[in-house]
Amino acid sequence: MLSSELNTLKPTHFFIDQLSAAVPLLRQLYSSVGILFYCHFPDQLLVQKENKSGLGLVKDVYRIPFNAVEAWSTASADGIVVNSQFTGGVVKRVFPGLSKRQLKVIYPCVDVSAATNDDGAEKKSLWPDRKVLLSINRFEKKKDVALAIKAFAGLDENERAQALLVIAGTCDAILNMCIIQLTRLRHQAATIHACQKMYIHTSLCKTSRRG
């Protein structure tokens, strides 16, 4: 707003990622420029819930204007895309004003070139004699990775004998909640007899990041 940078660039489209707060501002500054918003998940649903008393009620009231701005700013975009059909359904439920909007899906990209042999030959499976159930997530409580362990434990004994549960993900070393959740998952796996054949692989990073 205080420089001529955007005017010099003469943008034809804006791509807004994750948070929609900037959409109305860009709409006012460049009314003729198309705006595409990529919604990963409604921000209001990512807020940690509190008990419905005391601090919890204060937090709910505090969130009211932010939730309203999120709904309004999201709807201000010319086009809205989501990262899955599931997210699209959640967005339409949380923002009723978008129920009739077309929400196209753009799945997160994965670079598979590093997993391809130079000779084009197919790589051998690490566990060729088992059906592998794979869960890849950050080790955060809201991801509910524990559900995968419970589901694996609930399989028929013969099915478990032929299967393997592999849980992999990033654990942010500076976020205590991630460390606690990883510890809980390991404890849960160790206390469930059915999960003796479960492997947990982690990658620690020292900087916090969303993803």
C-alpha atoms as a PDB file:
ATOM      1  CA  MET A   1       0.000   0.000   0.000  1.00  0.00           C
ATOM      2  CA  LEU A   2       2.941   2.350   0.648  1.00  0.00           C
ATOM      3  CA  SER A   3       4.973   1.455  -2.423  1.00  0.00           C
ATOM      4  CA  SER A   4       4.507   1.187  -6.169  1.00  0.00           C
ATOM      5  CA  GLU A   5       5.812  -2.374  -6.346  1.00  0.00           C
ATOM      6  CA  LEU A   6       2.525  -4.056  -7.234  1.00  0.00           C
ATOM      7  CA  ASN A   7       1.591  -1.330  -9.699  1.00  0.00           C
ATOM      8  CA  THR A   8       4.939  -1.848 -11.393  1.00  0.00           C
ATOM      9  CA  LEU A   9       4.407  -5.607 -11.582  1.00  0.00           C
ATOM     10  CA  LYS A  10       0.882  -5.137 -12.950  1.00  0.00           C
ATOM     11  CA  PRO A  11      -0.488  -8.416 -11.519  1.00  0.00           C
ATOM     12  CA  THR A  12      -3.181 -10.266 -13.415  1.00  0.00           C
ATOM     13  CA  HIS A  13      -4.054 -12.695 -10.617  1.00  0.00           C
ATOM     14  CA  PHE A  14      -3.473 -13.129  -6.902  1.00  0.00           C
ATOM     15  CA  PHE A  15      -3.049 -16.546  -5.267  1.00  0.00           C
ATOM     16  CA  ILE A  16      -3.748 -16.460  -1.517  1.00  0.00           C
ATOM     17  CA  ASP A  17      -2.720 -19.465   0.565  1.00  0.00           C
ATOM     18  CA  GLN A  18      -4.067 -20.690   3.939  1.00  0.00           C
ATOM     19  CA  LEU A  19      -5.405 -17.434   5.462  1.00  0.00           C
ATOM     20  CA  SER A  20      -7.997 -15.342   3.629  1.00  0.00           C
ATOM     21  CA  ALA A  21      -7.636 -12.073   5.589  1.00  0.00           C
ATOM     22  CA  ALA A  22      -5.780 -10.366   2.718  1.00  0.00           C
ATOM     23  CA  VAL A  23      -8.484 -11.074   0.117  1.00  0.00           C
ATOM     24  CA  PRO A  24     -10.787  -8.066   0.851  1.00  0.00           C
ATOM     25  CA  LEU A  25      -7.816  -5.670   0.945  1.00  0.00           C
ATOM     26  CA  LEU A  26      -6.546  -6.836  -2.437  1.00  0.00           C
ATOM     27  CA  ARG A  27     -10.102  -6.695  -3.747  1.00  0.00           C
ATOM     28  CA  GLN A  28     -10.306  -3.001  -2.816  1.00  0.00           C
ATOM     29  CA  LEU A  29      -6.863  -2.123  -4.186  1.00  0.00           C
ATOM     30  CA  TYR A  30      -7.125  -4.122  -7.426  1.00  0.00           C
ATOM     31  CA  SER A  31     -10.799  -4.657  -8.204  1.00  0.00           C
ATOM     32  CA  SER A  32     -10.104  -5.933 -11.725  1.00  0.00           C
ATOM     33  CA  VAL A  33      -7.529  -8.570 -10.682  1.00  0.00           C
ATOM     34  CA  GLY A  34      -8.731 -12.139 -10.141  1.00  0.00           C
ATOM     35  CA  ILE A  35      -8.163 -13.665  -6.704  1.00  0.00           C
ATOM     36  CA  LEU A  36      -7.854 -17.407  -6.048  1.00  0.00           C
ATOM     37  CA  PHE A  37      -7.882 -18.599  -2.429  1.00  0.00           C
ATOM     38  CA  TYR A  38      -6.438 -22.012  -1.506  1.00  0.00           C
ATOM     39  CA  CYS A  39      -8.162 -23.189   1.675  1.00  0.00           C
ATOM     40  CA  HIS A  40      -6.324 -25.918   3.585  1.00  0.00           C
ATOM     41  CA  PHE A  41      -8.885 -25.968   6.404  1.00  0.00           C
ATOM     42  CA  PRO A  42     -11.126 -23.397   8.160  1.00  0.00           C
ATOM     43  CA  ASP A  43      -8.888 -21.565  10.610  1.00  0.00           C
ATOM     44  CA  GLN A  44     -11.582 -21.435  13.274  1.00  0.00           C
ATOM     45  CA  LEU A  45     -11.612 -25.243  13.488  1.00  0.00           C
ATOM     46  CA  LEU A  46      -7.877 -25.325  14.157  1.00  0.00           C
ATOM     47  CA  VAL A  47      -8.274 -23.348  17.383  1.00  0.00           C
ATOM     48  CA  GLN A  48      -7.816 -25.490  20.464  1.00  0.00           C
ATOM     49  CA  LYS A  49     -11.146 -25.937  22.226  1.00  0.00           C
ATOM     50  CA  GLU A  50     -11.557 -25.127  25.913  1.00  0.00           C
ATOM     51  CA  ASN A  51     -14.152 -26.188  28.455  1.00  0.00           C
ATOM     52  CA  LYS A  52     -17.448 -24.333  28.087  1.00  0.00           C
ATOM     53  CA  SER A  53     -16.903 -22.314  31.277  1.00  0.00           C
ATOM     54  CA  GLY A  54     -14.693 -19.463  32.405  1.00  0.00           C
ATOM     55  CA  LEU A  55     -11.806 -19.073  29.999  1.00  0.00           C
ATOM     56  CA  GLY A  56     -13.546 -21.253  27.420  1.00  0.00           C
ATOM     57  CA  LEU A  57     -16.514 -18.872  27.172  1.00  0.00           C
ATOM     58  CA  VAL A  58     -14.221 -15.847  26.970  1.00  0.00           C
ATOM     59  CA  LYS A  59     -12.298 -17.519  24.162  1.00  0.00           C
ATOM     60  CA  ASP A  60     -15.500 -18.293  22.256  1.00  0.00           C
ATOM     61  CA  VAL A  61     -16.620 -14.669  22.488  1.00  0.00           C
ATOM     62  CA  TYR A  62     -13.146 -13.483  21.497  1.00  0.00           C
ATOM     63  CA  ARG A  63     -13.263 -15.644  18.374  1.00  0.00           C
ATOM     64  CA  ILE A  64     -16.638 -14.349  17.125  1.00  0.00           C
ATOM     65  CA  PRO A  65     -15.285 -11.367  15.098  1.00  0.00           C
ATOM     66  CA  PHE A  66     -12.360 -13.418  13.752  1.00  0.00           C
ATOM     67  CA  ASN A  67     -14.698 -16.188  12.589  1.00  0.00           C
ATOM     68  CA  ALA A  68     -16.964 -13.623  10.933  1.00  0.00           C
ATOM     69  CA  VAL A  69     -14.009 -12.020   9.127  1.00  0.00           C
ATOM     70  CA  GLU A  70     -12.793 -15.426   7.969  1.00  0.00           C
ATOM     71  CA  ALA A  71     -16.193 -16.277   6.475  1.00  0.00           C
ATOM     72  CA  TRP A  72     -16.517 -12.866   4.787  1.00  0.00           C
ATOM     73  CA  SER A  73     -12.963 -12.723   3.448  1.00  0.00           C
ATOM     74  CA  THR A  74     -13.093 -16.289   2.113  1.00  0.00           C
ATOM     75  CA  ALA A  75     -16.287 -15.549   0.222  1.00  0.00           C
ATOM     76  CA  SER A  76     -14.660 -12.421  -1.277  1.00  0.00           C
ATOM     77  CA  ALA A  77     -12.342 -14.483  -3.479  1.00  0.00           C
ATOM     78  CA  ASP A  78     -13.235 -14.989  -7.135  1.00  0.00           C
ATOM     79  CA  GLY A  79     -12.360 -18.662  -6.909  1.00  0.00           C
ATOM     80  CA  ILE A  80     -11.835 -21.050  -3.999  1.00  0.00           C
ATOM     81  CA  VAL A  81      -9.928 -24.317  -4.117  1.00  0.00           C
ATOM     82  CA  VAL A  82      -9.411 -26.861  -1.345  1.00  0.00           C
ATOM     83  CA  ASN A  83      -6.906 -29.642  -0.700  1.00  0.00           C
ATOM     84  CA  SER A  84      -9.420 -32.506  -0.631  1.00  0.00           C
ATOM     85  CA  GLN A  85     -13.077 -33.410  -1.089  1.00  0.00           C
ATOM     86  CA  PHE A  86     -13.285 -33.791   2.701  1.00  0.00           C
ATOM     87  CA  THR A  87     -12.030 -30.244   3.283  1.00  0.00           C
ATOM     88  CA  GLY A  88     -14.494 -28.958   0.703  1.00  0.00           C
ATOM     89  CA  GLY A  89     -17.367 -30.522   2.630  1.00  0.00           C
ATOM     90  CA  VAL A  90     -16.130 -29.026   5.903  1.00  0.00           C
ATOM     91  CA  VAL A  91     -15.767 -25.564   4.338  1.00  0.00           C
ATOM     92  CA  LYS A  92     -19.356 -25.609   3.070  1.00  0.00           C
ATOM     93  CA  ARG A  93     -20.609 -26.765   6.473  1.00  0.00           C
ATOM     94  CA  VAL A  94     -18.690 -24.108   8.417  1.00  0.00           C
ATOM     95  CA  PHE A  95     -19.430 -21.326   5.909  1.00  0.00           C
ATOM     96  CA  PRO A  96     -23.084 -21.763   4.813  1.00  0.00           C
ATOM     97  CA  GLY A  97     -22.697 -18.792   2.451  1.00  0.00           C
ATOM     98  CA  LEU A  98     -20.388 -20.956   0.320  1.00  0.00           C
ATOM     99  CA  SER A  99     -22.777 -23.899   0.070  1.00  0.00           C
ATOM    100  CA  LYS A 100     -23.560 -23.115  -3.578  1.00  0.00           C
ATOM    101  CA  ARG A 101     -20.022 -22.141  -4.579  1.00  0.00           C
ATOM    102  CA  GLN A 102     -17.962 -24.528  -6.687  1.00  0.00           C
ATOM    103  CA  LEU A 103     -14.928 -25.643  -4.694  1.00  0.00           C
ATOM    104  CA  LYS A 104     -12.396 -27.367  -6.904  1.00  0.00           C
ATOM    105  CA  VAL A 105      -9.797 -29.710  -5.419  1.00  0.00           C
ATOM    106  CA  ILE A 106      -6.039 -29.267  -5.832  1.00  0.00           C
ATOM    107  CA  TYR A 107      -4.278 -32.068  -3.991  1.00  0.00           C
ATOM    108  CA  PRO A 108      -0.914 -31.280  -2.334  1.00  0.00           C
ATOM    109  CA  CYS A 109       1.907 -32.210  -4.696  1.00  0.00           C
ATOM    110  CA  VAL A 110       4.523 -34.858  -3.999  1.00  0.00           C
ATOM    111  CA  ASP A 111       7.833 -35.022  -5.861  1.00  0.00           C
ATOM    112  CA  VAL A 112       8.237 -38.692  -6.773  1.00  0.00           C
ATOM    113  CA  SER A 113      11.305 -38.272  -8.991  1.00  0.00           C
ATOM    114  CA  ALA A 114      13.677 -39.196  -6.154  1.00  0.00           C
ATOM    115  CA  ALA A 115      11.840 -42.494  -5.677  1.00  0.00           C
ATOM    116  CA  THR A 116      12.360 -43.577  -9.278  1.00  0.00           C
ATOM    117  CA  ASN A 117      15.359 -45.707 -10.222  1.00  0.00           C
ATOM    118  CA  ASP A 118      17.536 -44.420 -13.045  1.00  0.00           C
ATOM    119  CA  ASP A 119      17.055 -47.704 -14.878  1.00  0.00           C
ATOM    120  CA  GLY A 120      13.287 -47.539 -14.479  1.00  0.00           C
ATOM    121  CA  ALA A 121      13.218 -50.789 -12.504  1.00  0.00           C
ATOM    122  CA  GLU A 122      10.672 -51.060  -9.721  1.00  0.00           C
ATOM    123  CA  LYS A 123      12.131 -50.895  -6.217  1.00  0.00           C
ATOM    124  CA  LYS A 124      11.628 -53.871  -3.931  1.00  0.00           C
ATOM    125  CA  SER A 125       9.203 -53.507  -1.056  1.00  0.00           C
ATOM    126  CA  LEU A 126      10.656 -53.300   2.459  1.00  0.00           C
ATOM    127  CA  TRP A 127       7.998 -55.737   3.651  1.00  0.00           C
ATOM    128  CA  PRO A 128       6.960 -57.820   0.625  1.00  0.00           C
ATOM    129  CA  ASP A 129       5.107 -60.370   2.736  1.00  0.00           C
ATOM    130  CA  ARG A 130       2.810 -57.873   4.496  1.00  0.00           C
ATOM    131  CA  LYS A 131       0.089 -55.378   3.712  1.00  0.00           C
ATOM    132  CA  VAL A 132       1.449 -52.016   4.839  1.00  0.00           C
ATOM    133  CA  LEU A 133      -0.862 -49.476   6.477  1.00  0.00           C
ATOM    134  CA  LEU A 134       0.877 -46.094   6.305  1.00  0.00           C
ATOM    135  CA  SER A 135       0.068 -42.930   8.270  1.00  0.00           C
ATOM    136  CA  ILE A 136       2.034 -39.741   7.527  1.00  0.00           C
ATOM    137  CA  ASN A 137       1.205 -36.730   9.712  1.00  0.00           C
ATOM    138  CA  ARG A 138       2.728 -34.220  12.073  1.00  0.00           C
ATOM    139  CA  PHE A 139       2.670 -35.544  15.619  1.00  0.00           C
ATOM    140  CA  GLU A 140      -0.038 -33.214  16.886  1.00  0.00           C
ATOM    141  CA  LYS A 141      -3.092 -34.144  18.929  1.00  0.00           C
ATOM    142  CA  LYS A 142      -5.519 -32.638  16.402  1.00  0.00           C
ATOM    143  CA  LYS A 143      -4.252 -35.071  13.735  1.00  0.00           C
ATOM    144  CA  ASP A 144      -5.578 -37.975  15.870  1.00  0.00           C
ATOM    145  CA  VAL A 145      -2.837 -40.369  14.780  1.00  0.00           C
ATOM    146  CA  ALA A 146      -3.836 -42.511  17.765  1.00  0.00           C
ATOM    147  CA  LEU A 147      -6.904 -43.539  15.762  1.00  0.00           C
ATOM    148  CA  ALA A 148      -4.649 -45.470  13.373  1.00  0.00           C
ATOM    149  CA  ILE A 149      -3.245 -47.454  16.293  1.00  0.00           C
ATOM    150  CA  LYS A 150      -6.727 -48.183  17.648  1.00  0.00           C
ATOM    151  CA  ALA A 151      -7.928 -49.246  14.196  1.00  0.00           C
ATOM    152  CA  PHE A 152      -4.944 -51.551  13.722  1.00  0.00           C
ATOM    153  CA  ALA A 153      -5.544 -53.096  17.140  1.00  0.00           C
ATOM    154  CA  GLY A 154      -9.163 -53.708  16.151  1.00  0.00           C
ATOM    155  CA  LEU A 155      -8.284 -55.846  13.130  1.00  0.00           C
ATOM    156  CA  ASP A 156      -8.959 -59.549  13.129  1.00  0.00           C
ATOM    157  CA  GLU A 157      -6.002 -61.569  14.451  1.00  0.00           C
ATOM    158  CA  ASN A 158      -5.367 -63.164  11.055  1.00  0.00           C
ATOM    159  CA  GLU A 159      -5.520 -59.756   9.340  1.00  0.00           C
ATOM    160  CA  ARG A 160      -3.035 -58.275  11.807  1.00  0.00           C
ATOM    161  CA  ALA A 161      -0.658 -61.169  11.220  1.00  0.00           C
ATOM    162  CA  GLN A 162      -0.485 -60.220   7.552  1.00  0.00           C
ATOM    163  CA  ALA A 163      -0.328 -56.447   8.069  1.00  0.00           C
ATOM    164  CA  LEU A 164       2.079 -53.821   9.315  1.00  0.00           C
ATOM    165  CA  LEU A 165       1.279 -50.326  10.611  1.00  0.00           C
ATOM    166  CA  VAL A 166       3.902 -47.681   9.843  1.00  0.00           C
ATOM    167  CA  ILE A 167       3.492 -44.202  11.362  1.00  0.00           C
ATOM    168  CA  ALA A 168       5.836 -41.517  10.061  1.00  0.00           C
ATOM    169  CA  GLY A 169       5.937 -37.768  10.466  1.00  0.00           C
ATOM    170  CA  THR A 170       7.716 -34.628  11.583  1.00  0.00           C
ATOM    171  CA  CYS A 171       8.028 -33.769  15.255  1.00  0.00           C
ATOM    172  CA  ASP A 172       8.846 -30.109  15.907  1.00  0.00           C
ATOM    173  CA  ALA A 173      11.497 -30.108  18.644  1.00  0.00           C
ATOM    174  CA  ILE A 174      10.577 -26.610  19.868  1.00  0.00           C
ATOM    175  CA  LEU A 175       6.897 -27.447  20.377  1.00  0.00           C
ATOM    176  CA  ASN A 176       6.416 -29.297  23.644  1.00  0.00           C
ATOM    177  CA  MET A 177       2.943 -30.485  22.600  1.00  0.00           C
ATOM    178  CA  CYS A 178       4.476 -32.422  19.684  1.00  0.00           C
ATOM    179  CA  ILE A 179       6.985 -34.154  21.956  1.00  0.00           C
ATOM    180  CA  ILE A 180       4.213 -35.041  24.418  1.00  0.00           C
ATOM    181  CA  GLN A 181       2.019 -36.430  21.641  1.00  0.00           C
ATOM    182  CA  LEU A 182       4.860 -38.545  20.247  1.00  0.00           C
ATOM    183  CA  THR A 183       5.505 -39.951  23.733  1.00  0.00           C
ATOM    184  CA  ARG A 184       1.804 -40.798  24.096  1.00  0.00           C
ATOM    185  CA  LEU A 185       1.722 -42.573  20.752  1.00  0.00           C
ATOM    186  CA  ARG A 186       4.758 -44.669  21.644  1.00  0.00           C
ATOM    187  CA  HIS A 187       3.210 -45.536  25.008  1.00  0.00           C
ATOM    188  CA  GLN A 188      -0.101 -46.448  23.385  1.00  0.00           C
ATOM    189  CA  ALA A 189       1.630 -48.678  20.849  1.00  0.00           C
ATOM    190  CA  ALA A 190       3.665 -50.371  23.569  1.00  0.00           C
ATOM    191  CA  THR A 191       0.625 -51.108  25.729  1.00  0.00           C
ATOM    192  CA  ILE A 192      -1.468 -52.614  22.932  1.00  0.00           C
ATOM    193  CA  HIS A 193      -0.407 -56.204  22.314  1.00  0.00           C
ATOM    194  CA  ALA A 194      -1.799 -56.100  18.778  1.00  0.00           C
ATOM    195  CA  CYS A 195       0.641 -53.347  17.830  1.00  0.00           C
ATOM    196  CA  GLN A 196       3.852 -55.208  18.464  1.00  0.00           C
ATOM    197  CA  LYS A 197       4.489 -55.022  14.721  1.00  0.00           C
ATOM    198  CA  MET A 198       4.103 -51.225  14.516  1.00  0.00           C
ATOM    199  CA  TYR A 199       6.990 -48.942  13.576  1.00  0.00           C
ATOM    200  CA  ILE A 200       7.157 -45.237  14.427  1.00  0.00           C
ATOM    201  CA  HIS A 201       9.623 -43.103  12.467  1.00  0.00           C
ATOM    202  CA  THR A 202      10.141 -39.443  13.352  1.00  0.00           C
ATOM    203  CA  SER A 203      12.058 -36.547  11.889  1.00  0.00           C
ATOM    204  CA  LEU A 204      12.922 -33.811  14.357  1.00  0.00           C
ATOM    205  CA  CYS A 205      13.145 -30.222  13.157  1.00  0.00           C
ATOM    206  CA  LYS A 206      14.175 -27.149  15.142  1.00  0.00           C
ATOM    207  CA  THR A 207      11.901 -24.579  13.514  1.00  0.00           C
ATOM    208  CA  SER A 208       8.155 -24.367  13.784  1.00  0.00           C
ATOM    209  CA  ARG A 209       6.230 -24.501  10.524  1.00  0.00           C
ATOM    210  CA  ARG A 210       2.720 -25.196   9.320  1.00  0.00           C
ATOM    211  CA  GLY A 211       2.009 -27.894   6.796  1.00  0.00           C
END
